[in-house]
Protein backbone atom coordinates (compact mmCIF):
# COMPACT_ATOMS: atom_id res chain seq x y z
CA UNK A 1 10.44 12.17 -5.75
CA UNK A 2 6.87 13.01 -6.67
CA UNK A 3 3.77 11.62 -5.04
CA UNK A 4 3.06 8.02 -6.01
CA UNK A 5 -0.01 5.85 -5.49
CA UNK A 6 0.14 2.07 -5.36
CA UNK A 7 -3.16 1.42 -7.01
CA UNK A 8 -5.50 -1.38 -7.99
CA UNK A 9 -8.12 0.01 -10.40
CA UNK A 10 -10.54 -2.78 -9.41
CA UNK A 11 -10.59 -1.58 -5.78
CA UNK A 12 -13.19 1.09 -4.91
CA UNK A 13 -11.08 2.53 -2.07
CA UNK A 14 -8.12 2.76 -4.40
CA UNK A 15 -10.20 4.51 -7.06
CA UNK A 16 -11.56 6.91 -4.43
CA UNK A 17 -8.06 7.85 -3.23
CA UNK A 18 -6.88 8.35 -6.82
CA UNK A 19 -9.90 10.54 -7.58
CA UNK A 20 -9.20 12.63 -4.48
CA UNK A 21 -5.62 13.21 -5.64
CA UNK A 22 -6.93 14.15 -9.09
CA UNK A 23 -9.53 16.51 -7.64
CA UNK A 24 -6.90 18.20 -5.48
CA UNK A 25 -4.69 18.69 -8.52
CA UNK A 26 -1.81 16.74 -7.02
CA UNK A 27 0.63 15.41 -9.60
CA UNK A 28 1.47 11.76 -9.00
CA UNK A 29 2.62 8.61 -10.64
CA UNK A 30 0.42 5.55 -10.58
CA UNK A 31 1.88 2.15 -9.83
CA UNK A 32 -0.43 -0.75 -10.50
CA UNK A 33 1.33 -2.87 -7.96
CA UNK A 34 -0.39 -6.10 -8.97
CA UNK A 35 1.18 -5.76 -12.42
CA UNK A 36 4.41 -4.17 -11.15
CA UNK A 37 4.98 -5.65 -7.69
CA UNK A 38 7.44 -3.99 -5.35
CA UNK A 39 10.74 -5.62 -4.54
CA UNK A 40 11.36 -6.74 -0.98
CA UNK A 41 13.55 -3.68 -0.50
CA UNK A 42 10.85 -1.33 -1.81
CA UNK A 43 8.14 -2.87 0.36
CA UNK A 44 10.40 -2.79 3.41
CA UNK A 45 11.14 0.90 2.81
CA UNK A 46 7.44 1.72 2.33
CA UNK A 47 6.50 -0.13 5.52
CA UNK A 48 9.15 1.86 7.37
CA UNK A 49 7.73 5.09 5.96
CA UNK A 50 4.22 4.06 7.00
CA UNK A 51 5.47 3.03 10.42
CA UNK A 52 3.91 -0.41 10.17
CA UNK A 53 4.84 -4.06 10.17
CA UNK A 54 3.79 -6.18 7.18
CA UNK A 55 1.18 -8.12 9.15
CA UNK A 56 -0.47 -4.79 9.99
CA UNK A 57 -1.09 -3.99 6.32
CA UNK A 58 -1.70 -7.48 4.97
CA UNK A 59 -5.02 -8.39 3.39
CA UNK A 60 -5.74 -11.44 5.53
CA UNK A 61 -9.09 -12.24 3.95
CA UNK A 62 -7.64 -12.92 0.52
CA UNK A 63 -7.87 -16.60 -0.54
CA UNK A 64 -4.07 -16.85 -0.81
CA UNK A 65 -3.73 -15.57 2.77
CA UNK A 66 -6.01 -18.34 3.93
CA UNK A 67 -4.12 -20.92 1.85
CA UNK A 68 -0.85 -19.78 3.42
CA UNK A 69 -2.45 -19.62 6.90
CA UNK A 70 -1.03 -16.13 7.12
CA UNK A 71 -2.94 -15.30 10.31
CA UNK A 72 -0.88 -17.92 12.12
CA UNK A 73 2.46 -17.29 10.45
CA UNK A 74 5.31 -16.29 12.76
CA UNK A 75 5.79 -12.53 12.96
CA UNK A 76 9.08 -12.43 11.07
CA UNK A 77 9.25 -9.16 9.10
CA UNK A 78 11.54 -10.46 6.35
CA UNK A 79 9.43 -13.60 5.81
CA UNK A 80 6.17 -11.62 5.67
CA UNK A 81 7.68 -9.18 3.18
CA UNK A 82 8.87 -12.10 1.06
CA UNK A 83 5.36 -13.60 1.05
CA UNK A 84 3.72 -10.26 0.23
CA UNK A 85 6.13 -9.56 -2.63
CA UNK A 86 5.42 -13.01 -4.07
CA UNK A 87 1.68 -12.39 -3.63
CA UNK A 88 1.13 -8.63 -4.06
CA UNK A 89 -2.64 -9.04 -3.70
CA UNK A 90 -1.85 -9.34 0.03
CA UNK A 91 -0.64 -5.73 0.18
CA UNK A 92 -3.27 -3.36 1.52
CA UNK A 93 -4.26 -0.67 -0.93
CA UNK A 94 -4.07 2.08 -1.85
CA UNK A 95 -0.74 3.29 -0.56
CA UNK A 96 0.14 6.91 -1.18
CA UNK A 97 3.81 7.88 -1.01
CA UNK A 98 4.46 11.60 -0.73
CA UNK A 99 7.34 13.55 -2.16
CA UNK A 100 8.45 14.54 1.33
CA UNK A 101 9.06 10.93 2.43
CA UNK A 102 5.80 10.04 4.11
CA UNK A 103 3.51 7.17 3.24
CA UNK A 104 -0.01 6.22 4.21
CA UNK A 105 -2.45 3.42 3.53
CA UNK A 106 -5.23 5.65 2.19
CA UNK A 107 -8.27 3.44 2.72
CA UNK A 108 -10.36 6.05 4.49
CA UNK A 109 -11.17 9.71 3.89
CA UNK A 110 -9.11 10.83 6.90
CA UNK A 111 -5.95 9.23 5.53
CA UNK A 112 -6.48 10.78 2.12
CA UNK A 113 -7.12 14.18 3.75
CA UNK A 114 -3.86 13.92 5.73
CA UNK A 115 -1.99 13.42 2.47
CA UNK A 116 -3.86 16.23 0.71
CA UNK A 117 -3.42 18.68 3.59
CA UNK A 118 0.34 18.22 3.54
CA UNK A 119 0.88 18.56 -0.22
């Protein structure tokens, strides 16, 4: 598996992470996850690789999160994954998946550096 970035081109943090990968010369595939949402199995596997629960990487300020009252939803991993797959805008971005099996939510320079330093 090569490096992959779950990317939203409208997000500045996502564009910054993608540019950092480009600048470092790291080959990767780009997944525009809003257009090509992950399956429940894929999201579950990525969360496991990140070492996080879905509520830890959910975008709780999105209008749909407020409509669903996500902040108050029971902490049931399978249910949260189901909701996030049905509403991929709730998935924090960008997510970088490395060829060696790691994954990171690359929203800050430190996270991007960790990925770059290990490639």
